[in-house]
Structure formats: C-alpha cells, structure tokens
Amino acid sequence: MIDMTEFEQKLRAEVAKAEADAERAFASFRETDAHPNSTEYQMVKTMTLMAGGVYTGLTKALSLLTGDQEFERANAAVLSWINPSA
C-alpha cells in the first residue's frame, strides 16, 4: 500500500525542483539573443515550454491529491513568466 504522506512529501519536493527548473528556463529564454528563426532559439523555447509544462503538471497532481490551490498559483506563475508585462 502507498503511504500517502510520504508520496505527498516526495511530490512536493518534485514540484519545488520543477518550479526552480522552470524559473531558470524562462529566465534563460528571456535572456537569449538568438534570432527567432534560429535552431538555438527554437530549442531554448521548446525546453522552456516543456519545463513550464512539467511544473504545472506536477502541481496539478498535487492539487488533486491535497485539494489545495497549488495548480492555480503555478499556472499564474507560468503565465506571468510567459508574458511578464501583462
């Protein structure tokens, strides 16, 4: 049988790691000076979006498990990283 407390703790640790990874990825994307049509730019963009997806996916799982509002907070954070001027 799965120990839900231990599972939740591990999931929270993964969420924290994914959040840090996503923050770094979005910062790197904003700082890139590669041309938008270049392969480098497209790779950075893809990795950034994947990092944001992992973060929101894990927080959705955490929200479903705990009933808290982690997903809404994570989703708002990713949207603000995508469009910081909004």
N, C-alpha and C. Protein backbone atom coordinates (compact mmCIF):
# COMPACT_ATOMS: atom_id res chain seq x y z
N MET A 1 0.84 -1.18 0.00
CA MET A 1 0.00 0.00 0.00
C MET A 1 0.88 1.25 0.00
N ILE A 2 0.43 2.26 -0.66
CA ILE A 2 1.19 3.50 -0.78
C ILE A 2 0.97 4.36 0.46
N ASP A 3 2.06 4.86 1.02
CA ASP A 3 1.99 5.81 2.14
C ASP A 3 1.76 7.19 1.53
N MET A 4 0.54 7.70 1.65
CA MET A 4 0.17 8.96 1.01
C MET A 4 0.96 10.14 1.56
N THR A 5 1.30 10.12 2.84
CA THR A 5 2.08 11.21 3.42
C THR A 5 3.46 11.26 2.77
N GLU A 6 4.08 10.11 2.65
CA GLU A 6 5.40 10.05 2.02
C GLU A 6 5.31 10.43 0.54
N PHE A 7 4.27 9.97 -0.13
CA PHE A 7 4.07 10.30 -1.54
C PHE A 7 3.90 11.81 -1.71
N GLU A 8 3.08 12.42 -0.85
CA GLU A 8 2.86 13.87 -0.92
C GLU A 8 4.17 14.63 -0.69
N GLN A 9 4.96 14.19 0.27
CA GLN A 9 6.24 14.85 0.53
C GLN A 9 7.16 14.76 -0.68
N LYS A 10 7.22 13.59 -1.29
CA LYS A 10 8.05 13.42 -2.48
C LYS A 10 7.53 14.26 -3.64
N LEU A 11 6.22 14.31 -3.78
CA LEU A 11 5.62 15.11 -4.85
C LEU A 11 5.91 16.59 -4.63
N ARG A 12 5.80 17.06 -3.39
CA ARG A 12 6.12 18.47 -3.09
C ARG A 12 7.59 18.78 -3.41
N ALA A 13 8.47 17.84 -3.13
CA ALA A 13 9.89 18.04 -3.45
C ALA A 13 10.08 18.13 -4.96
N GLU A 14 9.38 17.29 -5.70
CA GLU A 14 9.47 17.33 -7.17
C GLU A 14 8.88 18.63 -7.72
N VAL A 15 7.79 19.10 -7.10
CA VAL A 15 7.18 20.37 -7.53
C VAL A 15 8.17 21.51 -7.30
N ALA A 16 8.83 21.53 -6.16
CA ALA A 16 9.80 22.59 -5.87
C ALA A 16 10.95 22.56 -6.87
N LYS A 17 11.43 21.37 -7.19
CA LYS A 17 12.51 21.23 -8.17
C LYS A 17 12.04 21.69 -9.55
N ALA A 18 10.84 21.28 -9.94
CA ALA A 18 10.30 21.66 -11.24
C ALA A 18 10.08 23.17 -11.33
N GLU A 19 9.66 23.78 -10.22
CA GLU A 19 9.47 25.23 -10.21
C GLU A 19 10.80 25.94 -10.44
N ALA A 20 11.84 25.51 -9.74
CA ALA A 20 13.16 26.13 -9.90
C ALA A 20 13.67 25.93 -11.33
N ASP A 21 13.48 24.74 -11.87
CA ASP A 21 13.91 24.47 -13.25
C ASP A 21 13.16 25.36 -14.24
N ALA A 22 11.86 25.51 -14.03
CA ALA A 22 11.05 26.34 -14.93
C ALA A 22 11.45 27.81 -14.82
N GLU A 23 11.69 28.29 -13.62
CA GLU A 23 12.12 29.68 -13.45
C GLU A 23 13.43 29.93 -14.20
N ARG A 24 14.38 29.01 -14.06
CA ARG A 24 15.67 29.14 -14.76
C ARG A 24 15.46 29.10 -16.28
N ALA A 25 14.61 28.21 -16.73
CA ALA A 25 14.37 28.08 -18.17
C ALA A 25 13.75 29.34 -18.75
N PHE A 26 12.77 29.90 -18.06
CA PHE A 26 12.13 31.12 -18.55
C PHE A 26 13.09 32.30 -18.51
N ALA A 27 13.93 32.38 -17.48
CA ALA A 27 14.94 33.44 -17.41
C ALA A 27 15.93 33.30 -18.57
N SER A 28 16.35 32.10 -18.85
CA SER A 28 17.27 31.84 -19.96
C SER A 28 16.63 32.22 -21.29
N PHE A 29 15.37 31.89 -21.44
CA PHE A 29 14.65 32.22 -22.68
C PHE A 29 14.57 33.73 -22.88
N ARG A 30 14.27 34.46 -21.81
CA ARG A 30 14.17 35.92 -21.91
C ARG A 30 15.52 36.55 -22.24
N GLU A 31 16.60 35.92 -21.80
CA GLU A 31 17.93 36.49 -22.00
C GLU A 31 18.59 36.06 -23.31
N THR A 32 18.01 35.11 -24.01
CA THR A 32 18.66 34.63 -25.23
C THR A 32 18.67 35.73 -26.29
N ASP A 33 19.78 35.82 -26.98
CA ASP A 33 19.88 36.81 -28.05
C ASP A 33 19.88 36.13 -29.43
N ALA A 34 19.51 34.87 -29.44
CA ALA A 34 19.45 34.13 -30.70
C ALA A 34 18.30 34.66 -31.55
N HIS A 35 18.48 34.59 -32.84
CA HIS A 35 17.44 35.03 -33.77
C HIS A 35 16.23 34.10 -33.66
N PRO A 36 15.01 34.65 -33.66
CA PRO A 36 13.80 33.81 -33.51
C PRO A 36 13.66 32.69 -34.54
N ASN A 37 14.31 32.81 -35.68
CA ASN A 37 14.22 31.74 -36.69
C ASN A 37 15.35 30.72 -36.55
N SER A 38 16.23 30.91 -35.58
CA SER A 38 17.38 30.01 -35.45
C SER A 38 17.00 28.73 -34.70
N THR A 39 17.79 27.71 -34.93
CA THR A 39 17.61 26.43 -34.24
C THR A 39 17.83 26.60 -32.74
N GLU A 40 18.83 27.40 -32.37
CA GLU A 40 19.12 27.62 -30.95
C GLU A 40 17.90 28.23 -30.24
N TYR A 41 17.31 29.25 -30.85
CA TYR A 41 16.14 29.90 -30.27
C TYR A 41 15.00 28.90 -30.11
N GLN A 42 14.75 28.11 -31.14
CA GLN A 42 13.66 27.13 -31.08
C GLN A 42 13.90 26.07 -30.01
N MET A 43 15.15 25.66 -29.84
CA MET A 43 15.47 24.68 -28.79
C MET A 43 15.24 25.27 -27.40
N VAL A 44 15.70 26.50 -27.19
CA VAL A 44 15.51 27.15 -25.89
C VAL A 44 14.03 27.33 -25.62
N LYS A 45 13.28 27.75 -26.62
CA LYS A 45 11.84 27.94 -26.47
C LYS A 45 11.14 26.62 -26.12
N THR A 46 11.50 25.56 -26.82
CA THR A 46 10.90 24.25 -26.57
C THR A 46 11.21 23.76 -25.17
N MET A 47 12.46 23.87 -24.76
CA MET A 47 12.85 23.43 -23.41
C MET A 47 12.14 24.26 -22.34
N THR A 48 11.96 25.54 -22.60
CA THR A 48 11.27 26.42 -21.66
C THR A 48 9.82 26.00 -21.50
N LEU A 49 9.15 25.79 -22.61
CA LEU A 49 7.75 25.38 -22.55
C LEU A 49 7.58 24.01 -21.90
N MET A 50 8.52 23.11 -22.17
CA MET A 50 8.46 21.79 -21.52
C MET A 50 8.65 21.92 -20.01
N ALA A 51 9.58 22.77 -19.58
CA ALA A 51 9.80 22.97 -18.14
C ALA A 51 8.54 23.53 -17.48
N GLY A 52 7.90 24.48 -18.14
CA GLY A 52 6.65 25.03 -17.62
C GLY A 52 5.56 23.98 -17.56
N GLY A 53 5.51 23.10 -18.55
CA GLY A 53 4.53 22.03 -18.58
C GLY A 53 4.74 21.01 -17.48
N VAL A 54 5.99 20.66 -17.23
CA VAL A 54 6.30 19.72 -16.13
C VAL A 54 5.87 20.33 -14.81
N TYR A 55 6.21 21.60 -14.61
CA TYR A 55 5.86 22.28 -13.36
C TYR A 55 4.34 22.32 -13.15
N THR A 56 3.60 22.75 -14.16
CA THR A 56 2.14 22.83 -13.98
C THR A 56 1.52 21.44 -13.88
N GLY A 57 2.07 20.46 -14.58
CA GLY A 57 1.55 19.10 -14.48
C GLY A 57 1.72 18.51 -13.09
N LEU A 58 2.91 18.69 -12.53
CA LEU A 58 3.14 18.18 -11.17
C LEU A 58 2.28 18.91 -10.14
N THR A 59 2.10 20.22 -10.32
CA THR A 59 1.26 20.94 -9.36
C THR A 59 -0.20 20.56 -9.51
N LYS A 60 -0.62 20.21 -10.72
CA LYS A 60 -2.00 19.73 -10.90
C LYS A 60 -2.19 18.43 -10.13
N ALA A 61 -1.22 17.53 -10.23
CA ALA A 61 -1.29 16.27 -9.47
C ALA A 61 -1.34 16.55 -7.97
N LEU A 62 -0.51 17.49 -7.51
CA LEU A 62 -0.51 17.84 -6.09
C LEU A 62 -1.85 18.43 -5.67
N SER A 63 -2.42 19.29 -6.49
CA SER A 63 -3.72 19.89 -6.18
C SER A 63 -4.82 18.83 -6.11
N LEU A 64 -4.78 17.87 -7.01
CA LEU A 64 -5.78 16.80 -6.98
C LEU A 64 -5.63 15.93 -5.74
N LEU A 65 -4.39 15.74 -5.32
CA LEU A 65 -4.11 14.91 -4.14
C LEU A 65 -4.50 15.62 -2.85
N THR A 66 -4.18 16.89 -2.75
CA THR A 66 -4.35 17.61 -1.48
C THR A 66 -5.57 18.51 -1.43
N GLY A 67 -6.10 18.88 -2.59
CA GLY A 67 -7.24 19.79 -2.61
C GLY A 67 -6.86 21.24 -2.43
N ASP A 68 -5.55 21.55 -2.41
CA ASP A 68 -5.15 22.95 -2.25
C ASP A 68 -5.08 23.66 -3.60
N GLN A 69 -4.64 24.88 -3.60
CA GLN A 69 -4.66 25.72 -4.80
C GLN A 69 -3.30 25.83 -5.48
N GLU A 70 -2.44 24.83 -5.31
CA GLU A 70 -1.11 24.88 -5.90
C GLU A 70 -1.16 25.07 -7.42
N PHE A 71 -2.08 24.39 -8.09
CA PHE A 71 -2.12 24.46 -9.55
C PHE A 71 -2.44 25.88 -10.01
N GLU A 72 -3.40 26.53 -9.37
CA GLU A 72 -3.76 27.88 -9.77
C GLU A 72 -2.58 28.83 -9.60
N ARG A 73 -1.83 28.67 -8.51
CA ARG A 73 -0.66 29.51 -8.26
C ARG A 73 0.41 29.24 -9.32
N ALA A 74 0.65 27.97 -9.60
CA ALA A 74 1.66 27.60 -10.59
C ALA A 74 1.27 28.08 -11.98
N ASN A 75 0.02 27.91 -12.33
CA ASN A 75 -0.45 28.35 -13.64
C ASN A 75 -0.29 29.86 -13.79
N ALA A 76 -0.64 30.61 -12.75
CA ALA A 76 -0.47 32.06 -12.79
C ALA A 76 1.00 32.44 -12.91
N ALA A 77 1.86 31.71 -12.22
CA ALA A 77 3.30 32.00 -12.29
C ALA A 77 3.82 31.77 -13.70
N VAL A 78 3.47 30.64 -14.30
CA VAL A 78 3.95 30.34 -15.65
C VAL A 78 3.42 31.37 -16.64
N LEU A 79 2.17 31.75 -16.51
CA LEU A 79 1.63 32.78 -17.41
C LEU A 79 2.36 34.10 -17.25
N SER A 80 2.74 34.45 -16.02
CA SER A 80 3.49 35.69 -15.81
C SER A 80 4.91 35.58 -16.36
N TRP A 81 5.47 34.38 -16.35
CA TRP A 81 6.80 34.20 -16.94
C TRP A 81 6.73 34.30 -18.46
N ILE A 82 5.64 33.80 -19.04
CA ILE A 82 5.48 33.85 -20.50
C ILE A 82 5.28 35.28 -20.95
N ASN A 83 4.48 36.03 -20.22
CA ASN A 83 4.18 37.41 -20.59
C ASN A 83 4.36 38.30 -19.37
N PRO A 84 5.60 38.67 -19.03
CA PRO A 84 5.86 39.42 -17.80
C PRO A 84 5.23 40.81 -17.77
N SER A 85 4.90 41.38 -18.92
CA SER A 85 4.34 42.73 -18.94
C SER A 85 2.83 42.75 -18.76
N ALA A 86 2.20 41.59 -18.74
CA ALA A 86 0.73 41.54 -18.62
C ALA A 86 0.27 41.77 -17.20
